[in-house]
Amino acid sequence: MEAKGYVDSPITPVSTTRFALVTIIGLANSVHLISQFQIEFNIFQDKKAAIIASLKNAGAPCFFTSLTTAIGFGSLVTSSIPSIYNLVPKGIFDESLQQSVS
């Protein structure tokens, strides 16, 4: 939230939800990776092997889920609604792209 003031981005009711969304997505990825690690640890009984196996089995799905979510948020820069448009931090996309869309 404090960074929005540094990049001259207004704080709106919609933009305040960004922190919660990022936290929830990170927490969900952590839960999936930790639960997969526990499953693999019961099989291998070795921490290193369990970490490698859990990243092989759950790493890609967690990565692609986060990637598609980021792409979805990136698409909000095309919105003509100012509060939705300002949900995306200005530093992520080129300023000229944001100005040409609005």
Protein backbone atom coordinates (compact mmCIF):
# COMPACT_ATOMS: atom_id res chain seq x y z
CA MET A 1 0.00 0.00 0.00
CA GLU A 2 2.79 2.43 0.84
CA ALA A 3 4.39 1.87 -2.55
CA LYS A 4 1.30 3.24 -4.30
CA GLY A 5 2.18 6.70 -3.00
CA TYR A 6 5.69 6.46 -4.40
CA VAL A 7 4.47 5.58 -7.89
CA ASP A 8 1.72 8.22 -7.81
CA SER A 9 -1.07 5.65 -7.99
CA PRO A 10 -4.34 6.46 -6.20
CA ILE A 11 -5.63 4.26 -3.40
CA THR A 12 -9.14 3.08 -4.24
CA PRO A 13 -11.48 0.53 -2.65
CA VAL A 14 -10.58 -1.92 -5.41
CA SER A 15 -6.82 -1.41 -5.10
CA THR A 16 -6.89 -2.15 -1.38
CA THR A 17 -7.89 -5.73 -2.16
CA ARG A 18 -4.59 -6.39 -3.96
CA PHE A 19 -2.73 -7.17 -0.72
CA ALA A 20 -5.36 -9.72 0.32
CA LEU A 21 -5.35 -11.37 -3.10
CA VAL A 22 -1.57 -11.71 -3.23
CA THR A 23 -1.53 -13.08 0.32
CA ILE A 24 -4.27 -15.61 -0.43
CA ILE A 25 -2.59 -16.82 -3.62
CA GLY A 26 0.76 -17.19 -1.85
CA LEU A 27 -0.86 -19.01 1.06
CA ALA A 28 -2.69 -21.38 -1.29
CA ASN A 29 0.54 -22.22 -3.11
CA SER A 30 2.27 -22.83 0.22
CA VAL A 31 -0.48 -25.16 1.40
CA HIS A 32 -0.31 -27.17 -1.82
CA LEU A 33 3.48 -27.47 -1.73
CA ILE A 34 3.62 -28.38 1.95
CA SER A 35 0.86 -30.98 1.68
CA GLN A 36 2.56 -32.49 -1.35
CA PHE A 37 5.85 -32.55 0.58
CA GLN A 38 4.17 -34.47 3.42
CA ILE A 39 2.82 -37.03 0.97
CA GLU A 40 6.20 -37.46 -0.69
CA PHE A 41 8.03 -37.60 2.64
CA ASN A 42 5.83 -40.51 3.74
CA ILE A 43 6.87 -42.33 0.55
CA PHE A 44 10.60 -41.52 0.39
CA GLN A 45 11.48 -40.94 4.09
CA ASP A 46 14.16 -38.52 2.84
CA LYS A 47 13.70 -34.76 2.97
CA LYS A 48 15.73 -33.94 -0.14
CA ALA A 49 13.97 -36.56 -2.27
CA ALA A 50 10.60 -35.43 -0.92
CA ILE A 51 11.33 -31.79 -1.78
CA ILE A 52 12.37 -32.68 -5.32
CA ALA A 53 9.35 -34.93 -5.84
CA SER A 54 6.92 -32.38 -4.41
CA LEU A 55 8.30 -29.65 -6.67
CA LYS A 56 7.99 -31.98 -9.65
CA ASN A 57 4.38 -32.84 -8.81
CA ALA A 58 3.02 -29.56 -7.42
CA GLY A 59 5.55 -26.93 -8.53
CA ALA A 60 4.34 -26.54 -12.10
CA PRO A 61 0.62 -26.31 -11.22
CA CYS A 62 1.36 -23.66 -8.57
CA PHE A 63 3.57 -21.72 -10.98
CA PHE A 64 1.04 -21.77 -13.82
CA THR A 65 -1.81 -20.81 -11.52
CA SER A 66 0.15 -17.79 -10.35
CA LEU A 67 1.20 -16.95 -13.91
CA THR A 68 -2.35 -17.01 -15.27
CA THR A 69 -3.51 -14.91 -12.31
CA ALA A 70 -0.79 -12.36 -13.07
CA ILE A 71 -1.82 -12.29 -16.74
CA GLY A 72 -5.44 -11.78 -15.68
CA PHE A 73 -4.47 -8.84 -13.47
CA GLY A 74 -2.31 -7.49 -16.28
CA SER A 75 -5.34 -7.46 -18.55
CA LEU A 76 -7.02 -5.00 -16.18
CA VAL A 77 -4.78 -2.28 -17.62
CA THR A 78 -7.14 -2.23 -20.62
CA SER A 79 -10.13 -1.28 -18.46
CA SER A 80 -11.73 2.12 -18.94
CA ILE A 81 -12.94 2.15 -15.31
CA PRO A 82 -10.36 4.18 -13.33
CA SER A 83 -10.56 2.18 -10.10
CA ILE A 84 -10.04 -1.10 -11.98
CA TYR A 85 -7.33 0.41 -14.19
CA ASN A 86 -5.44 1.63 -11.11
CA LEU A 87 -5.44 -1.86 -9.58
CA VAL A 88 -2.41 -2.63 -11.74
CA PRO A 89 0.73 -0.80 -10.46
CA LYS A 90 2.10 1.68 -12.98
CA GLY A 91 5.60 0.22 -12.81
CA ILE A 92 4.55 -3.16 -14.19
CA PHE A 93 3.66 -2.02 -17.68
CA ASP A 94 5.15 0.64 -19.89
CA GLU A 95 3.68 4.07 -19.18
CA SER A 96 3.02 4.61 -22.87
CA LEU A 97 0.88 1.45 -23.00
CA GLN A 98 -1.25 2.67 -20.10
CA GLN A 99 -1.64 6.13 -21.61
CA SER A 100 -2.60 4.74 -25.03
CA VAL A 101 -5.32 2.57 -23.47
CA SER A 102 -6.95 5.30 -21.40
